[in-house]
Structures are given as structure tokens and as C-alpha cells.
Amino acid sequence: MIDKNNNNTISYASICAHYIHQNPLRANLATDLAQWKFSSYLDLAGLRNGSLCNRKLFFDFTGIKEDEFIEESKAMVSKDRL
């Protein structure tokens, strides 16, 4: 079981989520996080009303604040991609 009080776990989960969402950028399949329609990023960012992701569980598990998700995601993209 994951200990939500363990900041290393939350931080690692957050980093992994952002890393996965950036794969289409690294592969030159998209130039913006919101362009890749196969990504859960759209659901988590509130840009699509999908039912695949449990948004509450994601934000609780990763420790990412829902209202900071898009800003945090973009901050993790390398500057040469922006």
C-alpha cells in the first residue's frame, strides 16, 4: 500500500505522470500537451470530459493540486519544446 504521508512516493508518482504525458512531445507526435488525443492529460486537465480516468484518485495519489495541474505540466516540458 502507498503511504500518502511519504513525500517521496507522492513526488515520484507526480513525476511519472508528467513524464508519461510528455511522451508524445518527445516523439514529435505533438507540439503541445493538449494536442495528443490519446492522452489522459486532456481528462486530467479538464479539457475533455472522459470517463477513463478517476480524476479524484489521480490528484489524491499524486499530490498534484487540481488547479495547478496544467501549469505544473507545462513547467516540466523542456524549454525548447515551448
N, C-alpha and C. Protein backbone atom coordinates (compact mmCIF):
# COMPACT_ATOMS: atom_id res chain seq x y z
N MET A 1 0.84 -1.19 0.00
CA MET A 1 0.00 0.00 0.00
C MET A 1 0.88 1.25 0.00
N ILE A 2 0.44 2.27 -0.65
CA ILE A 2 1.20 3.52 -0.75
C ILE A 2 0.90 4.38 0.46
N ASP A 3 1.94 4.88 1.06
CA ASP A 3 1.81 5.78 2.20
C ASP A 3 1.72 7.20 1.69
N LYS A 4 0.54 7.82 1.79
CA LYS A 4 0.35 9.18 1.28
C LYS A 4 1.13 10.20 2.08
N ASN A 5 1.62 9.82 3.26
CA ASN A 5 2.41 10.73 4.07
C ASN A 5 3.88 10.71 3.66
N ASN A 6 4.24 9.80 2.77
CA ASN A 6 5.61 9.69 2.29
C ASN A 6 5.77 10.60 1.08
N ASN A 7 6.42 11.73 1.25
CA ASN A 7 6.58 12.70 0.17
C ASN A 7 7.35 12.15 -1.01
N ASN A 8 8.24 11.20 -0.79
CA ASN A 8 8.99 10.61 -1.91
C ASN A 8 8.07 9.85 -2.84
N THR A 9 7.10 9.15 -2.30
CA THR A 9 6.15 8.41 -3.11
C THR A 9 5.28 9.36 -3.92
N ILE A 10 4.77 10.38 -3.28
CA ILE A 10 3.91 11.35 -3.97
C ILE A 10 4.70 12.07 -5.05
N SER A 11 5.90 12.48 -4.72
CA SER A 11 6.73 13.19 -5.69
C SER A 11 7.04 12.28 -6.88
N TYR A 12 7.38 11.04 -6.63
CA TYR A 12 7.71 10.12 -7.71
C TYR A 12 6.49 9.87 -8.60
N ALA A 13 5.32 9.70 -8.00
CA ALA A 13 4.10 9.48 -8.78
C ALA A 13 3.79 10.70 -9.64
N SER A 14 3.99 11.87 -9.11
CA SER A 14 3.76 13.10 -9.86
C SER A 14 4.71 13.20 -11.05
N ILE A 15 5.97 12.94 -10.81
CA ILE A 15 6.97 12.99 -11.88
C ILE A 15 6.64 11.97 -12.97
N CYS A 16 6.27 10.77 -12.57
CA CYS A 16 5.92 9.73 -13.56
C CYS A 16 4.73 10.14 -14.41
N ALA A 17 3.72 10.71 -13.79
CA ALA A 17 2.52 11.13 -14.54
C ALA A 17 2.88 12.19 -15.56
N HIS A 18 3.65 13.18 -15.16
CA HIS A 18 4.04 14.23 -16.09
C HIS A 18 4.95 13.68 -17.19
N TYR A 19 5.83 12.78 -16.84
CA TYR A 19 6.74 12.18 -17.82
C TYR A 19 5.94 11.44 -18.90
N ILE A 20 4.97 10.66 -18.48
CA ILE A 20 4.16 9.89 -19.42
C ILE A 20 3.38 10.82 -20.35
N HIS A 21 2.84 11.89 -19.81
CA HIS A 21 2.07 12.83 -20.64
C HIS A 21 2.95 13.53 -21.66
N GLN A 22 4.24 13.60 -21.40
CA GLN A 22 5.14 14.30 -22.32
C GLN A 22 5.70 13.40 -23.42
N ASN A 23 5.44 12.12 -23.36
CA ASN A 23 5.96 11.20 -24.38
C ASN A 23 5.60 11.60 -25.81
N PRO A 24 4.36 12.04 -26.10
CA PRO A 24 4.06 12.47 -27.48
C PRO A 24 4.91 13.66 -27.94
N LEU A 25 5.29 14.53 -27.01
CA LEU A 25 6.16 15.65 -27.37
C LEU A 25 7.56 15.15 -27.72
N ARG A 26 8.07 14.25 -26.89
CA ARG A 26 9.42 13.70 -27.13
C ARG A 26 9.49 12.94 -28.46
N ALA A 27 8.39 12.30 -28.82
CA ALA A 27 8.35 11.51 -30.05
C ALA A 27 7.96 12.36 -31.26
N ASN A 28 7.82 13.65 -31.06
CA ASN A 28 7.41 14.58 -32.12
C ASN A 28 6.06 14.21 -32.75
N LEU A 29 5.16 13.70 -31.93
CA LEU A 29 3.80 13.38 -32.37
C LEU A 29 2.86 14.54 -32.10
N ALA A 30 3.30 15.48 -31.25
CA ALA A 30 2.51 16.66 -30.91
C ALA A 30 3.48 17.76 -30.50
N THR A 31 3.01 18.99 -30.59
CA THR A 31 3.84 20.12 -30.17
C THR A 31 3.32 20.76 -28.89
N ASP A 32 2.18 20.29 -28.41
CA ASP A 32 1.58 20.79 -27.18
C ASP A 32 0.94 19.61 -26.46
N LEU A 33 0.95 19.64 -25.15
CA LEU A 33 0.39 18.54 -24.36
C LEU A 33 -1.07 18.26 -24.71
N ALA A 34 -1.82 19.29 -25.02
CA ALA A 34 -3.25 19.14 -25.30
C ALA A 34 -3.56 18.63 -26.70
N GLN A 35 -2.55 18.51 -27.56
CA GLN A 35 -2.79 18.07 -28.94
C GLN A 35 -2.95 16.57 -29.08
N TRP A 36 -2.41 15.79 -28.17
CA TRP A 36 -2.42 14.33 -28.31
C TRP A 36 -3.72 13.77 -27.74
N LYS A 37 -4.64 13.38 -28.62
CA LYS A 37 -5.99 12.99 -28.19
C LYS A 37 -6.03 11.65 -27.46
N PHE A 38 -4.93 10.90 -27.49
CA PHE A 38 -4.90 9.59 -26.83
C PHE A 38 -4.37 9.67 -25.40
N SER A 39 -4.11 10.87 -24.92
CA SER A 39 -3.53 11.06 -23.60
C SER A 39 -4.58 11.33 -22.53
N SER A 40 -4.33 10.82 -21.35
CA SER A 40 -5.22 11.12 -20.22
C SER A 40 -5.03 12.56 -19.75
N TYR A 41 -4.00 13.22 -20.26
CA TYR A 41 -3.76 14.62 -19.90
C TYR A 41 -5.01 15.47 -20.13
N LEU A 42 -5.68 15.25 -21.23
CA LEU A 42 -6.88 16.03 -21.57
C LEU A 42 -7.97 15.88 -20.50
N ASP A 43 -8.16 14.66 -20.02
CA ASP A 43 -9.16 14.41 -18.99
C ASP A 43 -8.73 15.03 -17.66
N LEU A 44 -7.48 14.83 -17.30
CA LEU A 44 -6.98 15.32 -16.02
C LEU A 44 -6.91 16.83 -15.98
N ALA A 45 -6.66 17.46 -17.13
CA ALA A 45 -6.60 18.92 -17.20
C ALA A 45 -7.99 19.54 -17.33
N GLY A 46 -9.02 18.70 -17.44
CA GLY A 46 -10.38 19.20 -17.57
C GLY A 46 -10.69 19.72 -18.97
N LEU A 47 -9.89 19.30 -19.95
CA LEU A 47 -10.09 19.74 -21.33
C LEU A 47 -10.99 18.78 -22.11
N ARG A 48 -11.28 17.65 -21.51
CA ARG A 48 -12.16 16.65 -22.12
C ARG A 48 -12.92 15.98 -20.98
N ASN A 49 -14.15 15.65 -21.21
CA ASN A 49 -14.97 15.03 -20.18
C ASN A 49 -14.99 13.52 -20.37
N GLY A 50 -13.83 12.91 -20.20
CA GLY A 50 -13.72 11.47 -20.36
C GLY A 50 -14.03 10.75 -19.07
N SER A 51 -14.26 9.46 -19.19
CA SER A 51 -14.56 8.66 -18.00
C SER A 51 -13.50 7.59 -17.74
N LEU A 52 -12.43 7.61 -18.52
CA LEU A 52 -11.38 6.61 -18.34
C LEU A 52 -10.60 6.84 -17.05
N CYS A 53 -10.37 8.09 -16.71
CA CYS A 53 -9.55 8.44 -15.55
C CYS A 53 -10.43 8.77 -14.35
N ASN A 54 -9.97 8.36 -13.21
CA ASN A 54 -10.59 8.77 -11.96
C ASN A 54 -9.80 9.98 -11.48
N ARG A 55 -10.28 11.16 -11.80
CA ARG A 55 -9.54 12.40 -11.52
C ARG A 55 -9.24 12.56 -10.03
N LYS A 56 -10.24 12.31 -9.19
CA LYS A 56 -10.05 12.48 -7.75
C LYS A 56 -8.94 11.55 -7.25
N LEU A 57 -8.98 10.31 -7.66
CA LEU A 57 -7.96 9.35 -7.25
C LEU A 57 -6.58 9.79 -7.74
N PHE A 58 -6.49 10.25 -8.98
CA PHE A 58 -5.21 10.70 -9.54
C PHE A 58 -4.63 11.84 -8.72
N PHE A 59 -5.43 12.87 -8.45
CA PHE A 59 -4.91 14.02 -7.72
C PHE A 59 -4.61 13.67 -6.26
N ASP A 60 -5.42 12.82 -5.66
CA ASP A 60 -5.13 12.38 -4.29
C ASP A 60 -3.83 11.58 -4.24
N PHE A 61 -3.67 10.68 -5.19
CA PHE A 61 -2.50 9.79 -5.21
C PHE A 61 -1.20 10.53 -5.51
N THR A 62 -1.24 11.42 -6.49
CA THR A 62 -0.01 12.09 -6.92
C THR A 62 0.34 13.29 -6.05
N GLY A 63 -0.64 13.83 -5.36
CA GLY A 63 -0.39 15.02 -4.55
C GLY A 63 -0.39 16.30 -5.37
N ILE A 64 -0.71 16.19 -6.65
CA ILE A 64 -0.80 17.38 -7.51
C ILE A 64 -2.11 18.09 -7.18
N LYS A 65 -2.05 19.41 -7.07
CA LYS A 65 -3.27 20.17 -6.85
C LYS A 65 -3.97 20.34 -8.19
N GLU A 66 -5.25 20.02 -8.19
CA GLU A 66 -6.03 20.03 -9.44
C GLU A 66 -5.94 21.37 -10.17
N ASP A 67 -5.99 22.46 -9.43
CA ASP A 67 -5.96 23.78 -10.07
C ASP A 67 -4.56 24.19 -10.52
N GLU A 68 -3.55 23.38 -10.21
CA GLU A 68 -2.18 23.67 -10.63
C GLU A 68 -1.65 22.66 -11.66
N PHE A 69 -2.49 21.71 -12.05
CA PHE A 69 -2.05 20.61 -12.91
C PHE A 69 -1.50 21.09 -14.25
N ILE A 70 -2.23 21.94 -14.96
CA ILE A 70 -1.79 22.40 -16.28
C ILE A 70 -0.49 23.18 -16.16
N GLU A 71 -0.43 24.09 -15.22
CA GLU A 71 0.78 24.90 -15.03
C GLU A 71 1.98 24.03 -14.68
N GLU A 72 1.77 23.07 -13.79
CA GLU A 72 2.86 22.16 -13.39
C GLU A 72 3.29 21.30 -14.57
N SER A 73 2.34 20.84 -15.36
CA SER A 73 2.66 20.01 -16.53
C SER A 73 3.52 20.79 -17.52
N LYS A 74 3.12 22.01 -17.81
CA LYS A 74 3.87 22.83 -18.78
C LYS A 74 5.24 23.20 -18.25
N ALA A 75 5.35 23.38 -16.94
CA ALA A 75 6.64 23.73 -16.34
C ALA A 75 7.66 22.60 -16.49
N MET A 76 7.17 21.37 -16.62
CA MET A 76 8.07 20.23 -16.73
C MET A 76 8.49 19.94 -18.17
N VAL A 77 7.88 20.63 -19.13
CA VAL A 77 8.26 20.46 -20.54
C VAL A 77 9.54 21.24 -20.78
N SER A 78 10.49 20.65 -21.47
CA SER A 78 11.74 21.35 -21.74
C SER A 78 11.48 22.61 -22.54
N LYS A 79 12.24 23.63 -22.27
CA LYS A 79 12.01 24.95 -22.87
C LYS A 79 12.12 24.95 -24.39
N ASP A 80 12.88 24.05 -24.97
CA ASP A 80 12.99 24.01 -26.43
C ASP A 80 11.72 23.48 -27.09
N ARG A 81 10.80 22.93 -26.32
CA ARG A 81 9.52 22.44 -26.85
C ARG A 81 8.45 23.51 -26.85
N LEU A 82 8.66 24.57 -26.08
CA LEU A 82 7.63 25.62 -25.96
C LEU A 82 7.73 26.63 -27.06
